[in-house]
Amino acid sequence: MTADMYDAAEDTPQIKPDGTLTQSAKDILKACDPPATAEDISRALVRHFSQVQPMVRDLVNLGLLEDRNGRLAVSDYGREKLDI
């Protein structure tokens, strides 16, 4: 974990001001365990892909999700934040 992740977290809607994850972020991370595609996440959350894509991108940029062979998986940092 790096300090810039924490700084970025303060500016994203996926992280609350107290540093905890929003429910949407938790739902996305849970949908990625086991690794899933963005379409899989959309189906799991019953949301249109266009709603999910920006949130997924934010979670990847924050280091909470990572690409594993074309699928999104919860990173170690994401597991720490999610407590799984």
C-alpha atoms as a PDB file:
ATOM      1  CA  MET A   1       0.000   0.000   0.000  1.00  0.00           C
ATOM      2  CA  THR A   2       1.230   3.407  -0.812  1.00  0.00           C
ATOM      3  CA  ALA A   3       0.280   6.807   0.502  1.00  0.00           C
ATOM      4  CA  ASP A   4      -0.985   7.891  -2.907  1.00  0.00           C
ATOM      5  CA  MET A   5      -3.691   5.225  -2.705  1.00  0.00           C
ATOM      6  CA  TYR A   6      -4.976   6.823   0.451  1.00  0.00           C
ATOM      7  CA  ASP A   7      -4.883  10.277  -1.097  1.00  0.00           C
ATOM      8  CA  ALA A   8      -6.756   9.033  -4.164  1.00  0.00           C
ATOM      9  CA  ALA A   9      -9.333   7.334  -1.956  1.00  0.00           C
ATOM     10  CA  GLU A  10     -10.355  10.644  -0.473  1.00  0.00           C
ATOM     11  CA  ASP A  11     -11.396  11.919  -3.903  1.00  0.00           C
ATOM     12  CA  THR A  12     -13.392   8.929  -5.137  1.00  0.00           C
ATOM     13  CA  PRO A  13     -17.062   8.225  -4.566  1.00  0.00           C
ATOM     14  CA  GLN A  14     -16.222   4.555  -3.835  1.00  0.00           C
ATOM     15  CA  ILE A  15     -14.491   5.493  -0.573  1.00  0.00           C
ATOM     16  CA  LYS A  16     -16.298   7.321   2.225  1.00  0.00           C
ATOM     17  CA  PRO A  17     -14.600  10.254   3.997  1.00  0.00           C
ATOM     18  CA  ASP A  18     -13.807   7.973   6.947  1.00  0.00           C
ATOM     19  CA  GLY A  19     -11.835   5.657   4.617  1.00  0.00           C
ATOM     20  CA  THR A  20     -14.358   2.830   4.503  1.00  0.00           C
ATOM     21  CA  LEU A  21     -15.872   1.471   1.309  1.00  0.00           C
ATOM     22  CA  THR A  22     -19.304   2.463   0.067  1.00  0.00           C
ATOM     23  CA  GLN A  23     -21.872  -0.307  -0.244  1.00  0.00           C
ATOM     24  CA  SER A  24     -21.546  -0.160  -4.051  1.00  0.00           C
ATOM     25  CA  ALA A  25     -17.786  -0.685  -3.798  1.00  0.00           C
ATOM     26  CA  LYS A  26     -18.290  -3.613  -1.409  1.00  0.00           C
ATOM     27  CA  ASP A  27     -20.844  -5.154  -3.764  1.00  0.00           C
ATOM     28  CA  ILE A  28     -18.469  -4.872  -6.722  1.00  0.00           C
ATOM     29  CA  LEU A  29     -15.572  -6.388  -4.794  1.00  0.00           C
ATOM     30  CA  LYS A  30     -17.752  -9.263  -3.613  1.00  0.00           C
ATOM     31  CA  ALA A  31     -18.884  -9.850  -7.216  1.00  0.00           C
ATOM     32  CA  CYS A  32     -15.202 -10.235  -8.159  1.00  0.00           C
ATOM     33  CA  ASP A  33     -14.571 -13.115  -5.779  1.00  0.00           C
ATOM     34  CA  PRO A  34     -14.026 -15.339  -7.747  1.00  0.00           C
ATOM     35  CA  PRO A  35     -12.618 -13.186 -10.578  1.00  0.00           C
ATOM     36  CA  ALA A  36     -15.259 -11.847 -12.949  1.00  0.00           C
ATOM     37  CA  THR A  37     -15.675  -9.790 -16.098  1.00  0.00           C
ATOM     38  CA  ALA A  38     -17.277  -6.344 -16.020  1.00  0.00           C
ATOM     39  CA  GLU A  39     -20.342  -7.911 -17.630  1.00  0.00           C
ATOM     40  CA  ASP A  40     -20.485 -10.531 -14.856  1.00  0.00           C
ATOM     41  CA  ILE A  41     -20.355  -7.726 -12.291  1.00  0.00           C
ATOM     42  CA  SER A  42     -23.181  -5.870 -14.043  1.00  0.00           C
ATOM     43  CA  ARG A  43     -25.355  -8.982 -13.992  1.00  0.00           C
ATOM     44  CA  ALA A  44     -24.540  -9.711 -10.339  1.00  0.00           C
ATOM     45  CA  LEU A  45     -25.467  -6.158  -9.314  1.00  0.00           C
ATOM     46  CA  VAL A  46     -28.453  -5.992 -11.686  1.00  0.00           C
ATOM     47  CA  ARG A  47     -27.145  -2.705 -13.079  1.00  0.00           C
ATOM     48  CA  HIS A  48     -26.427  -1.593 -16.600  1.00  0.00           C
ATOM     49  CA  PHE A  49     -22.800  -1.903 -17.675  1.00  0.00           C
ATOM     50  CA  SER A  50     -22.573   1.870 -18.182  1.00  0.00           C
ATOM     51  CA  GLN A  51     -23.319   2.375 -14.472  1.00  0.00           C
ATOM     52  CA  VAL A  52     -20.814  -0.216 -13.303  1.00  0.00           C
ATOM     53  CA  GLN A  53     -17.895   0.582 -15.611  1.00  0.00           C
ATOM     54  CA  PRO A  54     -16.853   3.908 -13.987  1.00  0.00           C
ATOM     55  CA  MET A  55     -17.006   2.393 -10.501  1.00  0.00           C
ATOM     56  CA  VAL A  56     -14.933  -0.602 -11.599  1.00  0.00           C
ATOM     57  CA  ARG A  57     -12.374   1.715 -13.212  1.00  0.00           C
ATOM     58  CA  ASP A  58     -12.096   3.687  -9.951  1.00  0.00           C
ATOM     59  CA  LEU A  59     -11.590   0.500  -7.935  1.00  0.00           C
ATOM     60  CA  VAL A  60      -8.868  -0.665 -10.339  1.00  0.00           C
ATOM     61  CA  ASN A  61      -7.155   2.743 -10.159  1.00  0.00           C
ATOM     62  CA  LEU A  62      -7.256   2.603  -6.367  1.00  0.00           C
ATOM     63  CA  GLY A  63      -5.643  -0.834  -6.381  1.00  0.00           C
ATOM     64  CA  LEU A  64      -8.692  -2.582  -4.910  1.00  0.00           C
ATOM     65  CA  LEU A  65      -9.243  -4.654  -8.077  1.00  0.00           C
ATOM     66  CA  GLU A  66      -6.659  -6.089 -10.436  1.00  0.00           C
ATOM     67  CA  ASP A  67      -6.697  -7.771 -13.825  1.00  0.00           C
ATOM     68  CA  ARG A  68      -6.064 -11.498 -13.770  1.00  0.00           C
ATOM     69  CA  ASN A  69      -6.099 -13.016 -17.232  1.00  0.00           C
ATOM     70  CA  GLY A  70      -8.831 -10.701 -18.489  1.00  0.00           C
ATOM     71  CA  ARG A  71     -10.963 -10.970 -15.365  1.00  0.00           C
ATOM     72  CA  LEU A  72     -11.209  -8.592 -12.421  1.00  0.00           C
ATOM     73  CA  ALA A  73     -10.106  -9.965  -9.071  1.00  0.00           C
ATOM     74  CA  VAL A  74      -9.978  -8.496  -5.590  1.00  0.00           C
ATOM     75  CA  SER A  75      -6.418  -7.433  -4.784  1.00  0.00           C
ATOM     76  CA  ASP A  76      -4.778  -7.990  -1.417  1.00  0.00           C
ATOM     77  CA  TYR A  77      -5.467  -4.334  -0.632  1.00  0.00           C
ATOM     78  CA  GLY A  78      -9.111  -4.825  -1.645  1.00  0.00           C
ATOM     79  CA  ARG A  79      -9.397  -7.858   0.631  1.00  0.00           C
ATOM     80  CA  GLU A  80      -7.936  -5.814   3.464  1.00  0.00           C
ATOM     81  CA  LYS A  81     -10.492  -3.028   2.914  1.00  0.00           C
ATOM     82  CA  LEU A  82     -13.323  -5.549   2.530  1.00  0.00           C
ATOM     83  CA  ASP A  83     -12.151  -7.756   5.405  1.00  0.00           C
ATOM     84  CA  ILE A  84     -12.353 -11.022   3.406  1.00  0.00           C
END
